[in-house]
C-alpha atoms as a PDB file:
ATOM      1  CA  MET A   1     -12.648   1.141   3.906  1.00  0.00           C
ATOM      2  CA  ASN A   2     -10.980   4.414   4.242  1.00  0.00           C
ATOM      3  CA  GLY A   3      -7.666   4.073   2.406  1.00  0.00           C
ATOM      4  CA  ASP A   4      -5.753   5.719  -0.283  1.00  0.00           C
ATOM      5  CA  LEU A   5      -4.884   4.097  -3.187  1.00  0.00           C
ATOM      6  CA  VAL A   6      -0.966   4.339  -3.541  1.00  0.00           C
ATOM      7  CA  GLU A   7      -0.264   1.965  -6.475  1.00  0.00           C
ATOM      8  CA  GLU A   8      -1.635  -0.533  -8.590  1.00  0.00           C
ATOM      9  CA  TYR A   9      -0.231  -3.910  -9.594  1.00  0.00           C
ATOM     10  CA  PRO A  10      -2.341  -5.263 -12.123  1.00  0.00           C
ATOM     11  CA  ASN A  11      -0.301  -7.823 -13.479  1.00  0.00           C
ATOM     12  CA  ALA A  12       0.872  -9.280 -10.285  1.00  0.00           C
ATOM     13  CA  TYR A  13       0.932 -13.442  -9.868  1.00  0.00           C
ATOM     14  CA  PRO A  14      -1.468 -14.811  -8.881  1.00  0.00           C
ATOM     15  CA  TYR A  15      -3.885 -12.185  -8.722  1.00  0.00           C
ATOM     16  CA  PRO A  16      -4.283  -8.275  -9.325  1.00  0.00           C
ATOM     17  CA  CYS A  17      -3.227  -6.374  -6.379  1.00  0.00           C
ATOM     18  CA  ALA A  18      -2.605  -2.599  -4.935  1.00  0.00           C
ATOM     19  CA  LEU A  19      -0.730  -0.887  -2.444  1.00  0.00           C
ATOM     20  CA  ILE A  20      -3.093   1.433  -0.243  1.00  0.00           C
ATOM     21  CA  LEU A  21      -1.945   3.893   2.542  1.00  0.00           C
ATOM     22  CA  TYR A  22      -4.378   3.853   5.512  1.00  0.00           C
ATOM     23  CA  LEU A  23      -3.587   6.852   8.445  1.00  0.00           C
ATOM     24  CA  VAL A  24      -4.033   4.605  11.870  1.00  0.00           C
ATOM     25  CA  THR A  25      -3.495   8.212  13.555  1.00  0.00           C
ATOM     26  CA  GLU A  26      -2.834  11.597  11.802  1.00  0.00           C
ATOM     27  CA  THR A  27       1.065  10.602  12.354  1.00  0.00           C
ATOM     28  CA  LYS A  28       0.767   6.608  12.054  1.00  0.00           C
ATOM     29  CA  PRO A  29       0.346   5.799   8.397  1.00  0.00           C
ATOM     30  CA  LEU A  30      -0.120   2.360   7.541  1.00  0.00           C
ATOM     31  CA  HIS A  31       0.814   0.486   4.019  1.00  0.00           C
ATOM     32  CA  VAL A  32      -1.535  -2.622   2.858  1.00  0.00           C
ATOM     33  CA  VAL A  33      -0.860  -4.596   0.106  1.00  0.00           C
ATOM     34  CA  ALA A  34      -3.871  -6.300  -0.753  1.00  0.00           C
ATOM     35  CA  GLY A  35      -4.925  -8.486  -3.898  1.00  0.00           C
ATOM     36  CA  THR A  36      -8.453  -9.804  -5.052  1.00  0.00           C
ATOM     37  CA  ASP A  37      -9.550 -13.183  -7.619  1.00  0.00           C
ATOM     38  CA  GLY A  38     -12.835 -11.562  -7.496  1.00  0.00           C
ATOM     39  CA  ASP A  39     -14.486 -13.619  -4.825  1.00  0.00           C
ATOM     40  CA  TYR A  40     -12.262 -13.173  -2.098  1.00  0.00           C
ATOM     41  CA  LEU A  41      -9.791 -10.191  -0.537  1.00  0.00           C
ATOM     42  CA  TRP A  42      -6.509 -11.389  -0.135  1.00  0.00           C
ATOM     43  CA  LEU A  43      -4.050  -9.394   2.609  1.00  0.00           C
ATOM     44  CA  ILE A  44      -0.694  -9.967   1.540  1.00  0.00           C
ATOM     45  CA  THR A  45       1.472  -7.765   3.762  1.00  0.00           C
ATOM     46  CA  ALA A  46       0.988  -4.877   5.794  1.00  0.00           C
ATOM     47  CA  TYR A  47       3.798  -2.708   6.834  1.00  0.00           C
ATOM     48  CA  TYR A  48       4.486   0.444   8.779  1.00  0.00           C
ATOM     49  CA  PRO A  49       6.458   3.104   6.234  1.00  0.00           C
ATOM     50  CA  THR A  50       9.681   4.896   6.833  1.00  0.00           C
ATOM     51  CA  ILE A  51      10.132   8.342   6.002  1.00  0.00           C
ATOM     52  CA  ASN A  52      13.715   7.240   4.655  1.00  0.00           C
ATOM     53  CA  LYS A  53      11.952   5.526   1.756  1.00  0.00           C
ATOM     54  CA  TRP A  54       9.102   7.311   1.184  1.00  0.00           C
ATOM     55  CA  GLU A  55       8.264  10.966   0.950  1.00  0.00           C
ATOM     56  CA  GLU A  56       6.174  12.746   3.835  1.00  0.00           C
ATOM     57  CA  ASN A  57       2.519  11.945   2.108  1.00  0.00           C
ATOM     58  CA  TYR A  58       3.550   8.453   2.217  1.00  0.00           C
ATOM     59  CA  LYS A  59       2.150   7.726  -1.268  1.00  0.00           C
ATOM     60  CA  THR A  60       5.455   8.898  -3.107  1.00  0.00           C
ATOM     61  CA  ARG A  61       8.510   6.262  -2.932  1.00  0.00           C
ATOM     62  CA  LYS A  62      12.090   8.604  -2.975  1.00  0.00           C
ATOM     63  CA  ALA A  63      14.399   8.193  -5.567  1.00  0.00           C
ATOM     64  CA  VAL A  64      16.987   5.628  -5.065  1.00  0.00           C
ATOM     65  CA  ASP A  65      20.498   6.685  -5.023  1.00  0.00           C
END
């Protein structure tokens, strides 16, 4: 309920989904990918993002080398 939208995947199969950033604490971010079919909310995955793949705001992916 209190997350920030990071990325949207409107063409994902089988349902559109989005990556959401939620701060468990000030220093512990959590990424959640969830989708919906209009009736249900589907939790696809949740993980703690790492600073080696994400900028310090955990909303911007780092460039791939």
